[in-house]
PDB file of N, CA and C in Angstrom:
ATOM      1  N   UNK A   1     -40.890  40.458  -5.515  1.00  0.00           N
ATOM      2  CA  UNK A   1     -40.923  40.208  -4.070  1.00  0.00           C
ATOM      3  C   UNK A   1     -39.368  40.445  -3.636  1.00  0.00           C
ATOM      4  N   UNK A   2     -39.170  41.043  -2.440  1.00  0.00           N
ATOM      5  CA  UNK A   2     -37.687  40.927  -1.966  1.00  0.00           C
ATOM      6  C   UNK A   2     -37.744  39.807  -0.782  1.00  0.00           C
ATOM      7  N   UNK A   3     -36.648  39.421  -1.039  1.00  0.00           N
ATOM      8  CA  UNK A   3     -36.559  38.149   0.130  1.00  0.00           C
ATOM      9  C   UNK A   3     -35.893  38.710   1.371  1.00  0.00           C
ATOM     10  N   UNK A   4     -36.464  38.704   2.539  1.00  0.00           N
ATOM     11  CA  UNK A   4     -35.831  38.929   3.812  1.00  0.00           C
ATOM     12  C   UNK A   4     -34.774  38.163   4.171  1.00  0.00           C
ATOM     13  N   UNK A   5     -33.609  38.837   4.623  1.00  0.00           N
ATOM     14  CA  UNK A   5     -32.418  38.167   4.828  1.00  0.00           C
ATOM     15  C   UNK A   5     -32.227  37.696   6.451  1.00  0.00           C
ATOM     16  N   UNK A   6     -32.164  36.722   6.785  1.00  0.00           N
ATOM     17  CA  UNK A   6     -31.897  36.338   8.274  1.00  0.00           C
ATOM     18  C   UNK A   6     -30.861  37.432   8.771  1.00  0.00           C
ATOM     19  N   UNK A   7     -30.986  37.553  10.187  1.00  0.00           N
ATOM     20  CA  UNK A   7     -29.990  38.494  10.497  1.00  0.00           C
ATOM     21  C   UNK A   7     -28.804  37.587  11.157  1.00  0.00           C
ATOM     22  N   UNK A   8     -27.550  37.996  10.677  1.00  0.00           N
ATOM     23  CA  UNK A   8     -26.506  37.122  11.031  1.00  0.00           C
ATOM     24  C   UNK A   8     -25.871  37.418  12.365  1.00  0.00           C
ATOM     25  N   UNK A   9     -25.032  36.769  13.045  1.00  0.00           N
ATOM     26  CA  UNK A   9     -24.753  36.999  14.396  1.00  0.00           C
ATOM     27  C   UNK A   9     -24.160  38.615  14.542  1.00  0.00           C
ATOM     28  N   UNK A  10     -24.572  39.115  15.379  1.00  0.00           N
ATOM     29  CA  UNK A  10     -24.399  40.550  15.600  1.00  0.00           C
ATOM     30  C   UNK A  10     -22.961  40.887  16.331  1.00  0.00           C
ATOM     31  N   UNK A  11     -22.199  41.613  16.099  1.00  0.00           N
ATOM     32  CA  UNK A  11     -21.218  42.105  16.615  1.00  0.00           C
ATOM     33  C   UNK A  11     -21.125  43.479  17.402  1.00  0.00           C
ATOM     34  N   UNK A  12     -20.984  43.046  18.809  1.00  0.00           N
ATOM     35  CA  UNK A  12     -21.337  44.035  19.896  1.00  0.00           C
ATOM     36  C   UNK A  12     -20.025  44.698  20.402  1.00  0.00           C
ATOM     37  N   UNK A  13     -19.966  45.883  20.412  1.00  0.00           N
ATOM     38  CA  UNK A  13     -18.497  46.549  20.688  1.00  0.00           C
ATOM     39  C   UNK A  13     -18.739  46.669  22.055  1.00  0.00           C
ATOM     40  N   UNK A  14     -17.638  45.896  22.881  1.00  0.00           N
ATOM     41  CA  UNK A  14     -17.717  46.461  24.286  1.00  0.00           C
ATOM     42  C   UNK A  14     -16.398  46.891  24.610  1.00  0.00           C
ATOM     43  N   UNK A  15     -16.033  47.945  25.776  1.00  0.00           N
ATOM     44  CA  UNK A  15     -15.002  48.148  25.900  1.00  0.00           C
ATOM     45  C   UNK A  15     -14.390  46.962  26.836  1.00  0.00           C
ATOM     46  N   UNK A  16     -13.040  46.768  26.502  1.00  0.00           N
ATOM     47  CA  UNK A  16     -12.433  45.678  27.435  1.00  0.00           C
ATOM     48  C   UNK A  16     -11.310  46.218  28.256  1.00  0.00           C
ATOM     49  N   UNK A  17     -10.795  45.844  29.239  1.00  0.00           N
ATOM     50  CA  UNK A  17      -9.657  46.504  30.211  1.00  0.00           C
ATOM     51  C   UNK A  17      -8.478  46.619  29.569  1.00  0.00           C
ATOM     52  N   UNK A  18      -7.871  47.682  29.695  1.00  0.00           N
ATOM     53  CA  UNK A  18      -6.533  47.816  29.026  1.00  0.00           C
ATOM     54  C   UNK A  18      -5.494  47.671  30.065  1.00  0.00           C
ATOM     55  N   UNK A  19      -4.596  46.559  29.471  1.00  0.00           N
ATOM     56  CA  UNK A  19      -3.666  46.029  30.377  1.00  0.00           C
ATOM     57  C   UNK A  19      -2.461  46.896  30.592  1.00  0.00           C
ATOM     58  N   UNK A  20      -2.204  48.042  29.508  1.00  0.00           N
ATOM     59  CA  UNK A  20      -1.005  48.723  29.516  1.00  0.00           C
ATOM     60  C   UNK A  20      -1.545  49.930  30.659  1.00  0.00           C
ATOM     61  N   UNK A  21      -2.773  50.020  30.882  1.00  0.00           N
ATOM     62  CA  UNK A  21      -3.311  51.009  32.059  1.00  0.00           C
ATOM     63  C   UNK A  21      -3.499  50.222  33.445  1.00  0.00           C
ATOM     64  N   UNK A  22      -3.335  49.049  33.540  1.00  0.00           N
ATOM     65  CA  UNK A  22      -3.314  48.126  34.911  1.00  0.00           C
ATOM     66  C   UNK A  22      -4.947  47.932  35.400  1.00  0.00           C
ATOM     67  N   UNK A  23      -5.617  47.773  34.141  1.00  0.00           N
ATOM     68  CA  UNK A  23      -6.957  47.729  34.254  1.00  0.00           C
ATOM     69  C   UNK A  23      -7.169  46.149  34.299  1.00  0.00           C
ATOM     70  N   UNK A  24      -8.693  45.696  35.166  1.00  0.00           N
ATOM     71  CA  UNK A  24      -8.870  44.177  35.001  1.00  0.00           C
ATOM     72  C   UNK A  24     -10.320  44.049  35.198  1.00  0.00           C
ATOM     73  N   UNK A  25     -10.732  42.876  35.053  1.00  0.00           N
ATOM     74  CA  UNK A  25     -12.062  42.668  35.391  1.00  0.00           C
ATOM     75  C   UNK A  25     -12.441  42.448  36.965  1.00  0.00           C
ATOM     76  N   UNK A  26     -13.248  42.541  37.199  1.00  0.00           N
ATOM     77  CA  UNK A  26     -13.723  42.254  38.618  1.00  0.00           C
ATOM     78  C   UNK A  26     -15.350  42.071  38.889  1.00  0.00           C
ATOM     79  N   UNK A  27     -15.791  41.339  39.626  1.00  0.00           N
ATOM     80  CA  UNK A  27     -17.180  41.077  40.059  1.00  0.00           C
ATOM     81  C   UNK A  27     -17.429  42.139  41.512  1.00  0.00           C
ATOM     82  N   UNK A  28     -18.265  42.963  41.517  1.00  0.00           N
ATOM     83  CA  UNK A  28     -18.636  43.422  42.799  1.00  0.00           C
ATOM     84  C   UNK A  28     -19.290  42.480  43.545  1.00  0.00           C
ATOM     85  N   UNK A  29     -18.608  42.791  44.731  1.00  0.00           N
ATOM     86  CA  UNK A  29     -19.128  41.510  45.907  1.00  0.00           C
ATOM     87  C   UNK A  29     -20.272  42.140  46.788  1.00  0.00           C
ATOM     88  N   UNK A  30     -20.050  42.985  47.563  1.00  0.00           N
ATOM     89  CA  UNK A  30     -20.787  43.845  48.515  1.00  0.00           C
ATOM     90  C   UNK A  30     -20.625  44.994  48.581  1.00  0.00           C
ATOM     91  N   UNK A  31     -21.857  45.863  48.770  1.00  0.00           N
ATOM     92  CA  UNK A  31     -21.907  47.539  49.073  1.00  0.00           C
ATOM     93  C   UNK A  31     -21.578  47.622  50.303  1.00  0.00           C
ATOM     94  N   UNK A  32     -20.552  48.724  50.647  1.00  0.00           N
ATOM     95  CA  UNK A  32     -20.061  49.209  51.910  1.00  0.00           C
ATOM     96  C   UNK A  32     -20.455  50.397  52.111  1.00  0.00           C
ATOM     97  N   UNK A  33     -21.162  51.485  51.372  1.00  0.00           N
ATOM     98  CA  UNK A  33     -21.454  52.536  51.829  1.00  0.00           C
ATOM     99  C   UNK A  33     -20.460  53.508  51.456  1.00  0.00           C
ATOM    100  N   UNK A  34     -21.087  54.730  51.311  1.00  0.00           N
ATOM    101  CA  UNK A  34     -20.079  56.129  50.804  1.00  0.00           C
ATOM    102  C   UNK A  34     -19.633  55.613  49.679  1.00  0.00           C
ATOM    103  N   UNK A  35     -20.266  55.360  48.617  1.00  0.00           N
ATOM    104  CA  UNK A  35     -19.723  54.978  47.249  1.00  0.00           C
ATOM    105  C   UNK A  35     -18.576  54.047  47.177  1.00  0.00           C
ATOM    106  N   UNK A  36     -18.832  53.359  47.909  1.00  0.00           N
ATOM    107  CA  UNK A  36     -17.665  52.099  48.205  1.00  0.00           C
ATOM    108  C   UNK A  36     -18.010  50.849  47.994  1.00  0.00           C
ATOM    109  N   UNK A  37     -17.403  49.778  47.403  1.00  0.00           N
ATOM    110  CA  UNK A  37     -17.873  48.445  47.516  1.00  0.00           C
ATOM    111  C   UNK A  37     -16.799  47.305  47.404  1.00  0.00           C
ATOM    112  N   UNK A  38     -16.742  46.381  47.706  1.00  0.00           N
ATOM    113  CA  UNK A  38     -15.741  45.444  47.771  1.00  0.00           C
ATOM    114  C   UNK A  38     -15.767  44.564  46.444  1.00  0.00           C
ATOM    115  N   UNK A  39     -14.770  44.312  45.741  1.00  0.00           N
ATOM    116  CA  UNK A  39     -14.819  43.739  44.550  1.00  0.00           C
ATOM    117  C   UNK A  39     -13.718  42.657  44.688  1.00  0.00           C
ATOM    118  N   UNK A  40     -13.940  41.373  43.957  1.00  0.00           N
ATOM    119  CA  UNK A  40     -13.026  40.336  43.559  1.00  0.00           C
ATOM    120  C   UNK A  40     -12.516  40.462  42.141  1.00  0.00           C
ATOM    121  N   UNK A  41     -11.273  40.332  42.261  1.00  0.00           N
ATOM    122  CA  UNK A  41     -10.731  40.731  40.938  1.00  0.00           C
ATOM    123  C   UNK A  41     -10.090  39.700  40.331  1.00  0.00           C
ATOM    124  N   UNK A  42      -9.727  39.912  39.183  1.00  0.00           N
ATOM    125  CA  UNK A  42      -9.472  38.678  38.025  1.00  0.00           C
ATOM    126  C   UNK A  42      -7.980  38.024  38.737  1.00  0.00           C
ATOM    127  N   UNK A  43      -7.272  38.911  39.166  1.00  0.00           N
ATOM    128  CA  UNK A  43      -5.907  38.124  39.761  1.00  0.00           C
ATOM    129  C   UNK A  43      -6.309  37.467  41.242  1.00  0.00           C
ATOM    130  N   UNK A  44      -7.502  37.302  41.749  1.00  0.00           N
ATOM    131  CA  UNK A  44      -7.726  36.826  42.918  1.00  0.00           C
ATOM    132  C   UNK A  44      -7.735  37.271  44.238  1.00  0.00           C
ATOM    133  N   UNK A  45      -7.651  38.607  43.846  1.00  0.00           N
ATOM    134  CA  UNK A  45      -7.502  39.463  45.333  1.00  0.00           C
ATOM    135  C   UNK A  45      -8.793  40.283  45.718  1.00  0.00           C
ATOM    136  N   UNK A  46      -9.293  40.458  46.610  1.00  0.00           N
ATOM    137  CA  UNK A  46     -10.387  41.285  47.187  1.00  0.00           C
ATOM    138  C   UNK A  46      -9.838  42.813  47.386  1.00  0.00           C
ATOM    139  N   UNK A  47     -10.438  43.581  46.895  1.00  0.00           N
ATOM    140  CA  UNK A  47     -10.144  44.984  46.925  1.00  0.00           C
ATOM    141  C   UNK A  47     -11.366  45.873  47.245  1.00  0.00           C
ATOM    142  N   UNK A  48     -10.893  47.155  47.617  1.00  0.00           N
ATOM    143  CA  UNK A  48     -12.144  48.227  48.291  1.00  0.00           C
ATOM    144  C   UNK A  48     -12.066  49.040  46.769  1.00  0.00           C
ATOM    145  N   UNK A  49     -13.133  49.148  46.197  1.00  0.00           N
ATOM    146  CA  UNK A  49     -13.161  50.006  45.236  1.00  0.00           C
ATOM    147  C   UNK A  49     -14.088  51.066  45.445  1.00  0.00           C
ATOM    148  N   UNK A  50     -13.927  52.312  44.777  1.00  0.00           N
ATOM    149  CA  UNK A  50     -14.353  53.557  44.815  1.00  0.00           C
ATOM    150  C   UNK A  50     -15.125  53.777  43.404  1.00  0.00           C
ATOM    151  N   UNK A  51     -16.568  54.319  43.990  1.00  0.00           N
ATOM    152  CA  UNK A  51     -17.288  54.393  42.517  1.00  0.00           C
ATOM    153  C   UNK A  51     -17.312  55.885  42.311  1.00  0.00           C
ATOM    154  N   UNK A  52     -16.595  56.506  41.203  1.00  0.00           N
ATOM    155  CA  UNK A  52     -16.681  57.635  40.900  1.00  0.00           C
ATOM    156  C   UNK A  52     -17.926  58.319  40.824  1.00  0.00           C
ATOM    157  N   UNK A  53     -17.960  59.920  40.975  1.00  0.00           N
ATOM    158  CA  UNK A  53     -19.132  60.516  40.982  1.00  0.00           C
ATOM    159  C   UNK A  53     -19.790  60.448  39.636  1.00  0.00           C
ATOM    160  N   UNK A  54     -19.212  60.641  38.615  1.00  0.00           N
ATOM    161  CA  UNK A  54     -19.645  60.625  37.079  1.00  0.00           C
ATOM    162  C   UNK A  54     -20.375  59.282  36.992  1.00  0.00           C
ATOM    163  N   UNK A  55     -19.992  58.092  37.643  1.00  0.00           N
ATOM    164  CA  UNK A  55     -20.445  56.847  37.378  1.00  0.00           C
ATOM    165  C   UNK A  55     -21.983  57.004  38.141  1.00  0.00           C
ATOM    166  N   UNK A  56     -21.583  57.206  39.376  1.00  0.00           N
ATOM    167  CA  UNK A  56     -22.939  57.323  40.540  1.00  0.00           C
ATOM    168  C   UNK A  56     -23.936  57.649  40.151  1.00  0.00           C
ATOM    169  N   UNK A  57     -23.620  59.082  39.294  1.00  0.00           N
ATOM    170  CA  UNK A  57     -24.792  59.573  38.816  1.00  0.00           C
ATOM    171  C   UNK A  57     -25.601  59.120  37.808  1.00  0.00           C
ATOM    172  N   UNK A  58     -24.967  58.305  36.812  1.00  0.00           N
ATOM    173  CA  UNK A  58     -25.514  58.013  35.628  1.00  0.00           C
ATOM    174  C   UNK A  58     -26.238  56.425  35.777  1.00  0.00           C
ATOM    175  N   UNK A  59     -25.670  55.703  36.764  1.00  0.00           N
ATOM    176  CA  UNK A  59     -25.775  54.182  36.558  1.00  0.00           C
ATOM    177  C   UNK A  59     -25.489  53.745  37.923  1.00  0.00           C
ATOM    178  N   UNK A  60     -26.364  52.641  38.206  1.00  0.00           N
ATOM    179  CA  UNK A  60     -26.115  51.958  39.949  1.00  0.00           C
ATOM    180  C   UNK A  60     -25.258  50.720  39.193  1.00  0.00           C
ATOM    181  N   UNK A  61     -24.301  50.759  40.413  1.00  0.00           N
ATOM    182  CA  UNK A  61     -23.545  49.488  40.353  1.00  0.00           C
ATOM    183  C   UNK A  61     -23.892  48.676  41.858  1.00  0.00           C
ATOM    184  N   UNK A  62     -24.217  47.429  41.458  1.00  0.00           N
ATOM    185  CA  UNK A  62     -24.985  46.699  42.374  1.00  0.00           C
ATOM    186  C   UNK A  62     -24.109  45.413  42.492  1.00  0.00           C
ATOM    187  N   UNK A  63     -24.408  44.468  43.740  1.00  0.00           N
ATOM    188  CA  UNK A  63     -23.653  43.355  43.907  1.00  0.00           C
ATOM    189  C   UNK A  63     -23.845  42.476  42.803  1.00  0.00           C
ATOM    190  N   UNK A  64     -22.664  41.899  42.441  1.00  0.00           N
ATOM    191  CA  UNK A  64     -22.819  40.757  41.024  1.00  0.00           C
ATOM    192  C   UNK A  64     -22.549  41.343  39.765  1.00  0.00           C
ATOM    193  N   UNK A  65     -22.682  42.648  39.555  1.00  0.00           N
ATOM    194  CA  UNK A  65     -22.122  43.326  38.601  1.00  0.00           C
ATOM    195  C   UNK A  65     -20.837  42.862  38.159  1.00  0.00           C
ATOM    196  N   UNK A  66     -20.574  42.638  36.634  1.00  0.00           N
ATOM    197  CA  UNK A  66     -18.968  42.983  36.149  1.00  0.00           C
ATOM    198  C   UNK A  66     -18.906  44.419  36.048  1.00  0.00           C
ATOM    199  N   UNK A  67     -17.411  44.721  36.245  1.00  0.00           N
ATOM    200  CA  UNK A  67     -17.111  45.937  36.326  1.00  0.00           C
ATOM    201  C   UNK A  67     -15.427  45.902  35.650  1.00  0.00           C
ATOM    202  N   UNK A  68     -15.051  47.078  35.088  1.00  0.00           N
ATOM    203  CA  UNK A  68     -13.512  46.960  35.186  1.00  0.00           C
ATOM    204  C   UNK A  68     -12.983  47.882  35.832  1.00  0.00           C
ATOM    205  N   UNK A  69     -12.050  47.405  36.619  1.00  0.00           N
ATOM    206  CA  UNK A  69     -11.478  48.376  37.913  1.00  0.00           C
ATOM    207  C   UNK A  69      -9.819  48.755  37.478  1.00  0.00           C
ATOM    208  N   UNK A  70      -9.271  49.819  38.116  1.00  0.00           N
ATOM    209  CA  UNK A  70      -7.941  50.220  37.925  1.00  0.00           C
ATOM    210  C   UNK A  70      -7.355  50.302  39.414  1.00  0.00           C
ATOM    211  N   UNK A  71      -6.912  49.227  39.852  1.00  0.00           N
ATOM    212  CA  UNK A  71      -6.060  49.420  41.360  1.00  0.00           C
ATOM    213  C   UNK A  71      -5.143  50.581  41.328  1.00  0.00           C
ATOM    214  N   UNK A  72      -5.110  50.995  42.454  1.00  0.00           N
ATOM    215  CA  UNK A  72      -4.128  52.453  42.863  1.00  0.00           C
ATOM    216  C   UNK A  72      -2.734  51.745  42.591  1.00  0.00           C
ATOM    217  N   UNK A  73      -1.798  52.863  42.141  1.00  0.00           N
ATOM    218  CA  UNK A  73      -0.588  52.650  42.446  1.00  0.00           C
ATOM    219  C   UNK A  73       0.130  52.649  43.746  1.00  0.00           C
ATOM    220  N   UNK A  74      -0.525  53.484  44.738  1.00  0.00           N
ATOM    221  CA  UNK A  74       0.152  53.606  45.851  1.00  0.00           C
ATOM    222  C   UNK A  74      -0.493  52.389  47.086  1.00  0.00           C
ATOM    223  N   UNK A  75      -1.721  52.049  46.845  1.00  0.00           N
ATOM    224  CA  UNK A  75      -2.209  51.057  47.801  1.00  0.00           C
ATOM    225  C   UNK A  75      -2.987  50.079  46.926  1.00  0.00           C
ATOM    226  N   UNK A  76      -2.147  48.983  47.007  1.00  0.00           N
ATOM    227  CA  UNK A  76      -2.802  48.083  46.027  1.00  0.00           C
ATOM    228  C   UNK A  76      -3.980  47.160  46.473  1.00  0.00           C
ATOM    229  N   UNK A  77      -4.411  47.495  47.477  1.00  0.00           N
ATOM    230  CA  UNK A  77      -5.831  46.772  47.986  1.00  0.00           C
ATOM    231  C   UNK A  77      -7.027  47.717  48.011  1.00  0.00           C
ATOM    232  N   UNK A  78      -6.941  49.015  47.369  1.00  0.00           N
ATOM    233  CA  UNK A  78      -7.808  49.615  46.583  1.00  0.00           C
ATOM    234  C   UNK A  78      -7.873  49.902  45.231  1.00  0.00           C
ATOM    235  N   UNK A  79      -9.064  50.337  44.721  1.00  0.00           N
ATOM    236  CA  UNK A  79      -9.079  50.592  43.350  1.00  0.00           C
ATOM    237  C   UNK A  79     -10.168  51.639  42.964  1.00  0.00           C
ATOM    238  N   UNK A  80     -10.049  52.087  41.679  1.00  0.00           N
ATOM    239  CA  UNK A  80     -11.290  52.633  41.098  1.00  0.00           C
ATOM    240  C   UNK A  80     -12.099  51.805  40.074  1.00  0.00           C
ATOM    241  N   UNK A  81     -13.416  52.455  39.836  1.00  0.00           N
ATOM    242  CA  UNK A  81     -14.408  51.367  39.054  1.00  0.00           C
ATOM    243  C   UNK A  81     -14.233  52.171  37.536  1.00  0.00           C
ATOM    244  N   UNK A  82     -13.536  51.481  36.554  1.00  0.00           N
ATOM    245  CA  UNK A  82     -13.841  52.556  35.224  1.00  0.00           C
ATOM    246  C   UNK A  82     -15.125  52.364  34.582  1.00  0.00           C
ATOM    247  N   UNK A  83     -15.559  50.647  34.637  1.00  0.00           N
ATOM    248  CA  UNK A  83     -16.516  50.807  33.743  1.00  0.00           C
ATOM    249  C   UNK A  83     -17.594  49.594  34.362  1.00  0.00           C
ATOM    250  N   UNK A  84     -19.062  49.899  34.141  1.00  0.00           N
ATOM    251  CA  UNK A  84     -19.800  48.635  34.466  1.00  0.00           C
ATOM    252  C   UNK A  84     -20.595  47.998  33.515  1.00  0.00           C
ATOM    253  N   UNK A  85     -20.743  46.688  33.187  1.00  0.00           N
ATOM    254  CA  UNK A  85     -21.106  46.133  32.053  1.00  0.00           C
ATOM    255  C   UNK A  85     -22.800  45.768  32.707  1.00  0.00           C
ATOM    256  N   UNK A  86     -23.626  45.695  31.553  1.00  0.00           N
ATOM    257  CA  UNK A  86     -25.052  45.438  32.119  1.00  0.00           C
ATOM    258  C   UNK A  86     -24.954  43.957  31.889  1.00  0.00           C
ATOM    259  N   UNK A  87     -26.203  43.565  32.435  1.00  0.00           N
ATOM    260  CA  UNK A  87     -26.308  41.827  32.376  1.00  0.00           C
ATOM    261  C   UNK A  87     -25.899  41.134  31.023  1.00  0.00           C
ATOM    262  N   UNK A  88     -26.634  41.535  30.134  1.00  0.00           N
ATOM    263  CA  UNK A  88     -26.493  41.144  28.591  1.00  0.00           C
ATOM    264  C   UNK A  88     -25.035  41.210  28.280  1.00  0.00           C
ATOM    265  N   UNK A  89     -24.556  42.456  28.461  1.00  0.00           N
ATOM    266  CA  UNK A  89     -22.988  42.514  27.967  1.00  0.00           C
ATOM    267  C   UNK A  89     -22.069  41.546  28.617  1.00  0.00           C
ATOM    268  N   UNK A  90     -22.322  41.295  29.976  1.00  0.00           N
ATOM    269  CA  UNK A  90     -21.727  40.041  30.794  1.00  0.00           C
ATOM    270  C   UNK A  90     -21.945  38.822  30.061  1.00  0.00           C
ATOM    271  N   UNK A  91     -22.912  38.407  29.634  1.00  0.00           N
ATOM    272  CA  UNK A  91     -23.182  36.930  29.365  1.00  0.00           C
ATOM    273  C   UNK A  91     -22.446  36.932  27.936  1.00  0.00           C
ATOM    274  N   UNK A  92     -22.418  38.033  26.843  1.00  0.00           N
ATOM    275  CA  UNK A  92     -21.837  38.006  25.695  1.00  0.00           C
ATOM    276  C   UNK A  92     -20.199  37.892  26.011  1.00  0.00           C
ATOM    277  N   UNK A  93     -19.861  38.413  26.853  1.00  0.00           N
ATOM    278  CA  UNK A  93     -18.046  38.358  27.015  1.00  0.00           C
ATOM    279  C   UNK A  93     -18.062  37.091  27.656  1.00  0.00           C
ATOM    280  N   UNK A  94     -18.796  36.221  28.483  1.00  0.00           N
ATOM    281  CA  UNK A  94     -18.904  35.074  28.970  1.00  0.00           C
ATOM    282  C   UNK A  94     -18.812  34.011  27.821  1.00  0.00           C
ATOM    283  N   UNK A  95     -19.745  34.134  27.042  1.00  0.00           N
ATOM    284  CA  UNK A  95     -19.854  33.260  26.034  1.00  0.00           C
ATOM    285  C   UNK A  95     -18.594  33.415  25.082  1.00  0.00           C
ATOM    286  N   UNK A  96     -18.054  34.298  24.816  1.00  0.00           N
ATOM    287  CA  UNK A  96     -16.930  34.480  23.856  1.00  0.00           C
ATOM    288  C   UNK A  96     -15.666  34.235  24.690  1.00  0.00           C
ATOM    289  N   UNK A  97     -15.601  33.812  25.880  1.00  0.00           N
ATOM    290  CA  UNK A  97     -14.546  33.400  26.501  1.00  0.00           C
ATOM    291  C   UNK A  97     -13.615  34.438  26.689  1.00  0.00           C
ATOM    292  N   UNK A  98     -14.044  35.931  27.109  1.00  0.00           N
ATOM    293  CA  UNK A  98     -13.231  36.866  27.309  1.00  0.00           C
ATOM    294  C   UNK A  98     -12.717  37.067  28.814  1.00  0.00           C
ATOM    295  N   UNK A  99     -13.719  36.304  29.469  1.00  0.00           N
ATOM    296  CA  UNK A  99     -13.622  36.343  30.770  1.00  0.00           C
ATOM    297  C   UNK A  99     -12.381  35.698  31.774  1.00  0.00           C
ATOM    298  N   UNK A 100     -11.723  35.876  32.555  1.00  0.00           N
ATOM    299  CA  UNK A 100     -11.080  34.711  33.253  1.00  0.00           C
ATOM    300  C   UNK A 100     -11.887  33.803  34.131  1.00  0.00           C
ATOM    301  N   UNK A 101     -11.549  32.675  34.392  1.00  0.00           N
ATOM    302  CA  UNK A 101     -12.091  31.687  34.967  1.00  0.00           C
ATOM    303  C   UNK A 101     -12.314  32.087  36.349  1.00  0.00           C
ATOM    304  N   UNK A 102     -11.628  32.716  37.038  1.00  0.00           N
ATOM    305  CA  UNK A 102     -11.907  33.062  38.403  1.00  0.00           C
ATOM    306  C   UNK A 102     -12.968  33.993  38.769  1.00  0.00           C
ATOM    307  N   UNK A 103     -13.619  34.429  37.696  1.00  0.00           N
ATOM    308  CA  UNK A 103     -14.763  35.460  37.835  1.00  0.00           C
ATOM    309  C   UNK A 103     -15.853  35.280  36.811  1.00  0.00           C
ATOM    310  N   UNK A 104     -15.653  34.244  35.898  1.00  0.00           N
ATOM    311  CA  UNK A 104     -16.573  33.934  35.194  1.00  0.00           C
ATOM    312  C   UNK A 104     -18.095  32.796  35.793  1.00  0.00           C
ATOM    313  N   UNK A 105     -18.903  34.026  36.315  1.00  0.00           N
ATOM    314  CA  UNK A 105     -19.867  33.379  36.843  1.00  0.00           C
ATOM    315  C   UNK A 105     -21.292  33.529  35.954  1.00  0.00           C
ATOM    316  N   UNK A 106     -21.199  33.921  35.004  1.00  0.00           N
ATOM    317  CA  UNK A 106     -22.370  34.406  34.085  1.00  0.00           C
ATOM    318  C   UNK A 106     -22.962  33.303  33.014  1.00  0.00           C
TER     319      UNK A 106
END
C-alpha cells in the first residue's frame, strides 16, 4: 500500500511590481468611466489610472481590487494599470507581508 503524503504549503508564483520600472501596488478606489479609475497608491497618493485595452477585454477591474500601476513620467497624477490580482492572490500577498501597510486591506 502506498501512503498518501499530506500536501505541503504551495508556492504560488505571482508577479510583483518592478521597482526599477517605477511600478507599485495600488487599490482600485472607484470607477470613473471611459476605462479610467481612481486608485490609491502605495506611496499614499491618489491617481487616475487607465485600463489598457488588452486588459479591458480579458478581465474586469472593479473597485477594491489590488493592482500594479506604473505612474506616467510626464504627469505624476496619472498612471497605467499593468496587472490585476484576483481576490485569493491578494490574500496570499497579504499573508506573506508583501503589501505595504498603506494599502493592506485584505
